[in-house]
Amino acid sequence: MNLILDDVRTELDAWCQSYVIAFAAYDAEAIAAHWTFPALTTQKGQSFAFKSAEHFASNTGRLLDFYKKRRVHKAVRHVIDLLPMSDDAVSMTVEDEMRDPEDQLIVSWRAAYVMQRVNGRWKAAAAIADGEVAAWAEIGTPLGG
């Protein structure tokens, strides 16, 4: 990996840690602040466009309610891979874990993001949530269905 990509990985690791702190706080607005809008997510072959931070936070609030019911106490995220797309855009693959109050693993999955540097800060522009949906379904707790 070259020095520039090493710097990007460090920056995106920090973005990921900030993101999971917002999840642990169940703060939908703080989660939305990690995105640029309009934003796109996909799951189960469907795409969902979010026009604004408020629209995204409303949807994220429902996701956080789902997590609360499943006793998710903490999220853990690690950057697995980066693929440069341009000077200010990368594709990022992450490994996510959801943990209970006893720090036991509930579920884990891989997800992919398109990240853009906007005004000097990394923001998610799109995410592929198929792994998240499949992981929850595999343990008998369907997400979004």
Foldseek 3Di string as FASTA:
>chain_A
DDPVVVVVQVQVQVLQVQLQVCLLVLPLLSNLVQADPQAWEDAPHDIDTAGDSVSRSVVSNVVSVLLVVVQFNTKDKHWDDWADDDPFKIKTKMKMFTAHPVRHTDWIFIKIFIWGQDPNHIHTRYIYCHRVQVGCVVVPHGDPD
